[in-house]
């Protein structure tokens, strides 16, 4: 389900560092995080999303999330922006 959201989104931000920047700029509707990503990588972006009361959706695979973004590598986090 959430992979489809990424495919249908008009604007996405790929990666934890870029997602944190977008969150702090108040440009994010939802955050999608892969549960198989290293928690030390996703901890900060999940924390910032929680502080800003942004919906965090978990998916099971970095590889599938990356593929949904149109990239050939895994993605730990993807922000869906306005």
PDB file of N, CA and C in Angstrom:
ATOM      1  N   UNK A   1       0.825  -1.202   0.000  1.00  0.00           N
ATOM      2  CA  UNK A   1       0.000   0.000   0.000  1.00  0.00           C
ATOM      3  C   UNK A   1       0.864   1.258   0.000  1.00  0.00           C
ATOM      4  N   UNK A   2       1.810   1.340   0.910  1.00  0.00           N
ATOM      5  CA  UNK A   2       2.626   2.543   1.011  1.00  0.00           C
ATOM      6  C   UNK A   2       3.582   2.701  -0.157  1.00  0.00           C
ATOM      7  N   UNK A   3       3.969   1.564  -0.755  1.00  0.00           N
ATOM      8  CA  UNK A   3       4.817   1.662  -1.944  1.00  0.00           C
ATOM      9  C   UNK A   3       4.043   2.370  -3.056  1.00  0.00           C
ATOM     10  N   UNK A   4       2.742   2.103  -3.137  1.00  0.00           N
ATOM     11  CA  UNK A   4       1.903   2.753  -4.139  1.00  0.00           C
ATOM     12  C   UNK A   4       1.814   4.254  -3.879  1.00  0.00           C
ATOM     13  N   UNK A   5       1.780   4.645  -2.593  1.00  0.00           N
ATOM     14  CA  UNK A   5       1.746   6.070  -2.262  1.00  0.00           C
ATOM     15  C   UNK A   5       2.973   6.770  -2.822  1.00  0.00           C
ATOM     16  N   UNK A   6       4.119   6.115  -2.706  1.00  0.00           N
ATOM     17  CA  UNK A   6       5.360   6.693  -3.227  1.00  0.00           C
ATOM     18  C   UNK A   6       5.276   6.810  -4.742  1.00  0.00           C
ATOM     19  N   UNK A   7       4.794   5.755  -5.389  1.00  0.00           N
ATOM     20  CA  UNK A   7       4.681   5.768  -6.846  1.00  0.00           C
ATOM     21  C   UNK A   7       3.749   6.874  -7.339  1.00  0.00           C
ATOM     22  N   UNK A   8       2.689   7.141  -6.582  1.00  0.00           N
ATOM     23  CA  UNK A   8       1.685   8.116  -7.000  1.00  0.00           C
ATOM     24  C   UNK A   8       1.999   9.544  -6.564  1.00  0.00           C
ATOM     25  N   UNK A   9       2.927   9.710  -5.636  1.00  0.00           N
ATOM     26  CA  UNK A   9       3.233  11.042  -5.103  1.00  0.00           C
ATOM     27  C   UNK A   9       3.829  11.939  -6.184  1.00  0.00           C
ATOM     28  N   UNK A  10       3.446  13.191  -6.141  1.00  0.00           N
ATOM     29  CA  UNK A  10       3.969  14.151  -7.111  1.00  0.00           C
ATOM     30  C   UNK A  10       5.372  14.602  -6.735  1.00  0.00           C
ATOM     31  N   UNK A  11       5.653  14.633  -5.448  1.00  0.00           N
ATOM     32  CA  UNK A  11       6.964  15.093  -4.998  1.00  0.00           C
ATOM     33  C   UNK A  11       7.441  14.243  -3.825  1.00  0.00           C
ATOM     34  N   UNK A  12       8.625  13.647  -3.977  1.00  0.00           N
ATOM     35  CA  UNK A  12       9.209  12.844  -2.905  1.00  0.00           C
ATOM     36  C   UNK A  12      10.628  13.314  -2.615  1.00  0.00           C
ATOM     37  N   UNK A  13      11.036  13.098  -1.379  1.00  0.00           N
ATOM     38  CA  UNK A  13      12.399  13.393  -0.954  1.00  0.00           C
ATOM     39  C   UNK A  13      12.977  12.071  -0.468  1.00  0.00           C
ATOM     40  N   UNK A  14      14.059  11.625  -1.097  1.00  0.00           N
ATOM     41  CA  UNK A  14      14.629  10.315  -0.808  1.00  0.00           C
ATOM     42  C   UNK A  14      15.830  10.460   0.118  1.00  0.00           C
ATOM     43  N   UNK A  15      15.862   9.638   1.163  1.00  0.00           N
ATOM     44  CA  UNK A  15      17.001   9.599   2.075  1.00  0.00           C
ATOM     45  C   UNK A  15      16.710  10.275   3.399  1.00  0.00           C
ATOM     46  N   UNK A  16      17.372   9.789   4.439  1.00  0.00           N
ATOM     47  CA  UNK A  16      17.093  10.296   5.784  1.00  0.00           C
ATOM     48  C   UNK A  16      17.547  11.743   5.969  1.00  0.00           C
ATOM     49  N   UNK A  17      18.735  12.080   5.504  1.00  0.00           N
ATOM     50  CA  UNK A  17      19.235  13.451   5.701  1.00  0.00           C
ATOM     51  C   UNK A  17      18.374  14.469   4.971  1.00  0.00           C
ATOM     52  N   UNK A  18      18.016  14.168   3.733  1.00  0.00           N
ATOM     53  CA  UNK A  18      17.174  15.084   2.965  1.00  0.00           C
ATOM     54  C   UNK A  18      15.768  15.154   3.556  1.00  0.00           C
ATOM     55  N   UNK A  19      15.271  14.034   4.073  1.00  0.00           N
ATOM     56  CA  UNK A  19      13.943  14.019   4.692  1.00  0.00           C
ATOM     57  C   UNK A  19      13.927  14.882   5.950  1.00  0.00           C
ATOM     58  N   UNK A  20      14.989  14.819   6.751  1.00  0.00           N
ATOM     59  CA  UNK A  20      15.073  15.661   7.950  1.00  0.00           C
ATOM     60  C   UNK A  20      15.032  17.137   7.556  1.00  0.00           C
ATOM     61  N   UNK A  21      15.785  17.520   6.541  1.00  0.00           N
ATOM     62  CA  UNK A  21      15.780  18.914   6.073  1.00  0.00           C
ATOM     63  C   UNK A  21      14.382  19.336   5.636  1.00  0.00           C
ATOM     64  N   UNK A  22      13.714  18.470   4.876  1.00  0.00           N
ATOM     65  CA  UNK A  22      12.363  18.784   4.396  1.00  0.00           C
ATOM     66  C   UNK A  22      11.377  18.879   5.559  1.00  0.00           C
ATOM     67  N   UNK A  23      11.512  17.983   6.534  1.00  0.00           N
ATOM     68  CA  UNK A  23      10.641  18.026   7.711  1.00  0.00           C
ATOM     69  C   UNK A  23      10.810  19.349   8.451  1.00  0.00           C
ATOM     70  N   UNK A  24      12.048  19.753   8.661  1.00  0.00           N
ATOM     71  CA  UNK A  24      12.315  20.997   9.387  1.00  0.00           C
ATOM     72  C   UNK A  24      11.839  22.220   8.615  1.00  0.00           C
ATOM     73  N   UNK A  25      11.704  22.089   7.305  1.00  0.00           N
ATOM     74  CA  UNK A  25      11.187  23.179   6.466  1.00  0.00           C
ATOM     75  C   UNK A  25       9.667  23.120   6.339  1.00  0.00           C
ATOM     76  N   UNK A  26       9.049  22.172   7.041  1.00  0.00           N
ATOM     77  CA  UNK A  26       7.586  22.003   7.029  1.00  0.00           C
ATOM     78  C   UNK A  26       7.044  21.761   5.631  1.00  0.00           C
ATOM     79  N   UNK A  27       7.725  20.893   4.874  1.00  0.00           N
ATOM     80  CA  UNK A  27       7.319  20.591   3.504  1.00  0.00           C
ATOM     81  C   UNK A  27       6.851  19.151   3.335  1.00  0.00           C
ATOM     82  N   UNK A  28       6.578  18.451   4.434  1.00  0.00           N
ATOM     83  CA  UNK A  28       6.302  17.015   4.358  1.00  0.00           C
ATOM     84  C   UNK A  28       4.906  16.686   4.869  1.00  0.00           C
ATOM     85  N   UNK A  29       4.190  15.836   4.115  1.00  0.00           N
ATOM     86  CA  UNK A  29       2.880  15.324   4.542  1.00  0.00           C
ATOM     87  C   UNK A  29       3.030  14.040   5.341  1.00  0.00           C
ATOM     88  N   UNK A  30       3.849  13.132   4.807  1.00  0.00           N
ATOM     89  CA  UNK A  30       4.036  11.809   5.406  1.00  0.00           C
ATOM     90  C   UNK A  30       5.484  11.382   5.251  1.00  0.00           C
ATOM     91  N   UNK A  31       5.900  10.493   6.150  1.00  0.00           N
ATOM     92  CA  UNK A  31       7.237   9.924   6.080  1.00  0.00           C
ATOM     93  C   UNK A  31       7.096   8.414   6.002  1.00  0.00           C
ATOM     94  N   UNK A  32       7.804   7.803   5.078  1.00  0.00           N
ATOM     95  CA  UNK A  32       7.787   6.349   4.941  1.00  0.00           C
ATOM     96  C   UNK A  32       9.184   5.841   5.271  1.00  0.00           C
ATOM     97  N   UNK A  33       9.244   4.876   6.207  1.00  0.00           N
ATOM     98  CA  UNK A  33      10.522   4.362   6.693  1.00  0.00           C
ATOM     99  C   UNK A  33      10.555   2.848   6.516  1.00  0.00           C
ATOM    100  N   UNK A  34      11.676   2.337   6.031  1.00  0.00           N
ATOM    101  CA  UNK A  34      11.856   0.890   5.867  1.00  0.00           C
ATOM    102  C   UNK A  34      12.295   0.284   7.199  1.00  0.00           C
ATOM    103  N   UNK A  35      11.597  -0.749   7.638  1.00  0.00           N
ATOM    104  CA  UNK A  35      11.913  -1.368   8.923  1.00  0.00           C
ATOM    105  C   UNK A  35      13.198  -2.187   8.886  1.00  0.00           C
ATOM    106  N   UNK A  36      13.673  -2.545   7.700  1.00  0.00           N
ATOM    107  CA  UNK A  36      14.928  -3.297   7.626  1.00  0.00           C
ATOM    108  C   UNK A  36      16.151  -2.384   7.549  1.00  0.00           C
ATOM    109  N   UNK A  37      15.934  -1.082   7.638  1.00  0.00           N
ATOM    110  CA  UNK A  37      17.055  -0.132   7.677  1.00  0.00           C
ATOM    111  C   UNK A  37      17.649  -0.135   9.082  1.00  0.00           C
ATOM    112  N   UNK A  38      18.915   0.198   9.181  1.00  0.00           N
ATOM    113  CA  UNK A  38      19.594   0.277  10.467  1.00  0.00           C
ATOM    114  C   UNK A  38      18.918   1.353  11.327  1.00  0.00           C
ATOM    115  N   UNK A  39      18.476   1.004  12.539  1.00  0.00           N
ATOM    116  CA  UNK A  39      17.804   1.985  13.402  1.00  0.00           C
ATOM    117  C   UNK A  39      18.638   3.238  13.675  1.00  0.00           C
ATOM    118  N   UNK A  40      19.952   3.104  13.680  1.00  0.00           N
ATOM    119  CA  UNK A  40      20.788   4.289  13.909  1.00  0.00           C
ATOM    120  C   UNK A  40      20.684   5.272  12.743  1.00  0.00           C
ATOM    121  N   UNK A  41      20.300   4.775  11.581  1.00  0.00           N
ATOM    122  CA  UNK A  41      20.130   5.625  10.398  1.00  0.00           C
ATOM    123  C   UNK A  41      18.767   6.316  10.421  1.00  0.00           C
ATOM    124  N   UNK A  42      17.742   5.621  10.860  1.00  0.00           N
ATOM    125  CA  UNK A  42      16.378   6.156  10.793  1.00  0.00           C
ATOM    126  C   UNK A  42      15.922   6.863  12.072  1.00  0.00           C
ATOM    127  N   UNK A  43      16.670   6.708  13.144  1.00  0.00           N
ATOM    128  CA  UNK A  43      16.259   7.255  14.439  1.00  0.00           C
ATOM    129  C   UNK A  43      15.965   8.755  14.376  1.00  0.00           C
ATOM    130  N   UNK A  44      16.874   9.524  13.807  1.00  0.00           N
ATOM    131  CA  UNK A  44      16.742  10.989  13.771  1.00  0.00           C
ATOM    132  C   UNK A  44      15.519  11.435  12.966  1.00  0.00           C
ATOM    133  N   UNK A  45      15.329  10.854  11.795  1.00  0.00           N
ATOM    134  CA  UNK A  45      14.215  11.278  10.943  1.00  0.00           C
ATOM    135  C   UNK A  45      12.873  10.916  11.591  1.00  0.00           C
ATOM    136  N   UNK A  46      12.808   9.767  12.250  1.00  0.00           N
ATOM    137  CA  UNK A  46      11.573   9.374  12.946  1.00  0.00           C
ATOM    138  C   UNK A  46      11.310  10.317  14.118  1.00  0.00           C
ATOM    139  N   UNK A  47      12.364  10.684  14.831  1.00  0.00           N
ATOM    140  CA  UNK A  47      12.240  11.598  15.966  1.00  0.00           C
ATOM    141  C   UNK A  47      11.712  12.964  15.521  1.00  0.00           C
ATOM    142  N   UNK A  48      12.286  13.510  14.468  1.00  0.00           N
ATOM    143  CA  UNK A  48      11.857  14.822  13.965  1.00  0.00           C
ATOM    144  C   UNK A  48      10.409  14.760  13.486  1.00  0.00           C
ATOM    145  N   UNK A  49      10.053  13.695  12.782  1.00  0.00           N
ATOM    146  CA  UNK A  49       8.668  13.538  12.316  1.00  0.00           C
ATOM    147  C   UNK A  49       7.707  13.484  13.501  1.00  0.00           C
ATOM    148  N   UNK A  50       8.089  12.773  14.544  1.00  0.00           N
ATOM    149  CA  UNK A  50       7.252  12.691  15.743  1.00  0.00           C
ATOM    150  C   UNK A  50       7.062  14.042  16.405  1.00  0.00           C
ATOM    151  N   UNK A  51       8.146  14.804  16.506  1.00  0.00           N
ATOM    152  CA  UNK A  51       8.069  16.137  17.109  1.00  0.00           C
ATOM    153  C   UNK A  51       7.135  17.053  16.327  1.00  0.00           C
ATOM    154  N   UNK A  52       7.110  16.881  15.015  1.00  0.00           N
ATOM    155  CA  UNK A  52       6.278  17.724  14.153  1.00  0.00           C
ATOM    156  C   UNK A  52       4.907  17.115  13.871  1.00  0.00           C
ATOM    157  N   UNK A  53       4.637  15.981  14.513  1.00  0.00           N
ATOM    158  CA  UNK A  53       3.354  15.279  14.362  1.00  0.00           C
ATOM    159  C   UNK A  53       3.053  14.911  12.908  1.00  0.00           C
ATOM    160  N   UNK A  54       4.082  14.441  12.215  1.00  0.00           N
ATOM    161  CA  UNK A  54       3.953  13.964  10.838  1.00  0.00           C
ATOM    162  C   UNK A  54       3.738  12.455  10.882  1.00  0.00           C
ATOM    163  N   UNK A  55       2.800  11.973  10.101  1.00  0.00           N
ATOM    164  CA  UNK A  55       2.505  10.547  10.043  1.00  0.00           C
ATOM    165  C   UNK A  55       3.718   9.771   9.543  1.00  0.00           C
ATOM    166  N   UNK A  56       4.108   8.731  10.299  1.00  0.00           N
ATOM    167  CA  UNK A  56       5.213   7.858   9.902  1.00  0.00           C
ATOM    168  C   UNK A  56       4.628   6.494   9.550  1.00  0.00           C
ATOM    169  N   UNK A  57       4.876   6.052   8.334  1.00  0.00           N
ATOM    170  CA  UNK A  57       4.394   4.757   7.853  1.00  0.00           C
ATOM    171  C   UNK A  57       5.595   3.845   7.682  1.00  0.00           C
ATOM    172  N   UNK A  58       5.473   2.615   8.173  1.00  0.00           N
ATOM    173  CA  UNK A  58       6.569   1.657   8.038  1.00  0.00           C
ATOM    174  C   UNK A  58       6.296   0.690   6.899  1.00  0.00           C
ATOM    175  N   UNK A  59       7.356   0.410   6.140  1.00  0.00           N
ATOM    176  CA  UNK A  59       7.313  -0.620   5.103  1.00  0.00           C
ATOM    177  C   UNK A  59       8.421  -1.612   5.413  1.00  0.00           C
ATOM    178  N   UNK A  60       8.360  -2.789   4.820  1.00  0.00           N
ATOM    179  CA  UNK A  60       9.279  -3.854   5.212  1.00  0.00           C
ATOM    180  C   UNK A  60      10.611  -3.884   4.484  1.00  0.00           C
ATOM    181  N   UNK A  61      10.766  -3.161   3.387  1.00  0.00           N
ATOM    182  CA  UNK A  61      11.961  -3.359   2.572  1.00  0.00           C
ATOM    183  C   UNK A  61      12.553  -2.070   2.008  1.00  0.00           C
ATOM    184  N   UNK A  62      13.831  -1.840   2.317  1.00  0.00           N
ATOM    185  CA  UNK A  62      14.552  -0.708   1.725  1.00  0.00           C
ATOM    186  C   UNK A  62      14.634  -0.859   0.214  1.00  0.00           C
ATOM    187  N   UNK A  63      14.878  -2.087  -0.226  1.00  0.00           N
ATOM    188  CA  UNK A  63      15.026  -2.346  -1.661  1.00  0.00           C
ATOM    189  C   UNK A  63      13.738  -2.000  -2.413  1.00  0.00           C
ATOM    190  N   UNK A  64      12.589  -2.459  -1.886  1.00  0.00           N
ATOM    191  CA  UNK A  64      11.304  -2.166  -2.530  1.00  0.00           C
ATOM    192  C   UNK A  64      10.991  -0.673  -2.478  1.00  0.00           C
ATOM    193  N   UNK A  65      11.352  -0.029  -1.370  1.00  0.00           N
ATOM    194  CA  UNK A  65      11.103   1.405  -1.243  1.00  0.00           C
ATOM    195  C   UNK A  65      11.944   2.180  -2.255  1.00  0.00           C
ATOM    196  N   UNK A  66      13.195   1.791  -2.410  1.00  0.00           N
ATOM    197  CA  UNK A  66      14.052   2.415  -3.418  1.00  0.00           C
ATOM    198  C   UNK A  66      13.503   2.220  -4.818  1.00  0.00           C
ATOM    199  N   UNK A  67      13.040   1.004  -5.094  1.00  0.00           N
ATOM    200  CA  UNK A  67      12.471   0.706  -6.412  1.00  0.00           C
ATOM    201  C   UNK A  67      11.233   1.566  -6.676  1.00  0.00           C
ATOM    202  N   UNK A  68      10.393   1.738  -5.653  1.00  0.00           N
ATOM    203  CA  UNK A  68       9.200   2.574  -5.799  1.00  0.00           C
ATOM    204  C   UNK A  68       9.572   4.031  -6.087  1.00  0.00           C
ATOM    205  N   UNK A  69      10.766   4.434  -5.628  1.00  0.00           N
ATOM    206  CA  UNK A  69      11.256   5.798  -5.873  1.00  0.00           C
ATOM    207  C   UNK A  69      11.922   5.935  -7.233  1.00  0.00           C
ATOM    208  N   UNK A  70      12.128   4.800  -7.900  1.00  0.00           N
ATOM    209  CA  UNK A  70      12.765   4.837  -9.208  1.00  0.00           C
ATOM    210  C   UNK A  70      14.277   4.832  -9.147  1.00  0.00           C
ATOM    211  N   UNK A  71      14.838   4.353  -8.021  1.00  0.00           N
ATOM    212  CA  UNK A  71      16.294   4.269  -7.907  1.00  0.00           C
ATOM    213  C   UNK A  71      16.709   2.809  -7.794  1.00  0.00           C
ATOM    214  N   UNK A  72      17.965   2.539  -8.098  1.00  0.00           N
ATOM    215  CA  UNK A  72      18.459   1.162  -8.131  1.00  0.00           C
ATOM    216  C   UNK A  72      19.054   0.689  -6.813  1.00  0.00           C
ATOM    217  N   UNK A  73      18.990   1.511  -5.785  1.00  0.00           N
ATOM    218  CA  UNK A  73      19.500   1.135  -4.465  1.00  0.00           C
ATOM    219  C   UNK A  73      18.374   1.273  -3.450  1.00  0.00           C
ATOM    220  N   UNK A  74      18.589   0.723  -2.272  1.00  0.00           N
ATOM    221  CA  UNK A  74      17.576   0.811  -1.230  1.00  0.00           C
ATOM    222  C   UNK A  74      17.440   2.223  -0.687  1.00  0.00           C
ATOM    223  N   UNK A  75      16.287   2.498  -0.117  1.00  0.00           N
ATOM    224  CA  UNK A  75      16.034   3.787   0.531  1.00  0.00           C
ATOM    225  C   UNK A  75      15.538   3.520   1.944  1.00  0.00           C
ATOM    226  N   UNK A  76      16.199   4.109   2.928  1.00  0.00           N
ATOM    227  CA  UNK A  76      15.798   3.927   4.323  1.00  0.00           C
ATOM    228  C   UNK A  76      14.553   4.744   4.643  1.00  0.00           C
ATOM    229  N   UNK A  77      14.451   5.925   4.033  1.00  0.00           N
ATOM    230  CA  UNK A  77      13.318   6.810   4.309  1.00  0.00           C
ATOM    231  C   UNK A  77      12.976   7.636   3.073  1.00  0.00           C
ATOM    232  N   UNK A  78      11.686   7.900   2.937  1.00  0.00           N
ATOM    233  CA  UNK A  78      11.186   8.743   1.850  1.00  0.00           C
ATOM    234  C   UNK A  78      10.119   9.661   2.435  1.00  0.00           C
ATOM    235  N   UNK A  79      10.264  10.938   2.178  1.00  0.00           N
ATOM    236  CA  UNK A  79       9.263  11.906   2.612  1.00  0.00           C
ATOM    237  C   UNK A  79       8.386  12.265   1.420  1.00  0.00           C
ATOM    238  N   UNK A  80       7.094  12.289   1.650  1.00  0.00           N
ATOM    239  CA  UNK A  80       6.147  12.728   0.622  1.00  0.00           C
ATOM    240  C   UNK A  80       5.805  14.172   0.950  1.00  0.00           C
ATOM    241  N   UNK A  81       6.099  15.050   0.000  1.00  0.00           N
ATOM    242  CA  UNK A  81       5.919  16.478   0.262  1.00  0.00           C
ATOM    243  C   UNK A  81       4.676  17.015  -0.426  1.00  0.00           C
ATOM    244  N   UNK A  82       4.344  18.233  -0.075  1.00  0.00           N
ATOM    245  CA  UNK A  82       3.150  18.898  -0.606  1.00  0.00           C
ATOM    246  C   UNK A  82       3.220  19.054  -2.095  1.00  0.00           C
TER     247      UNK A  82
END
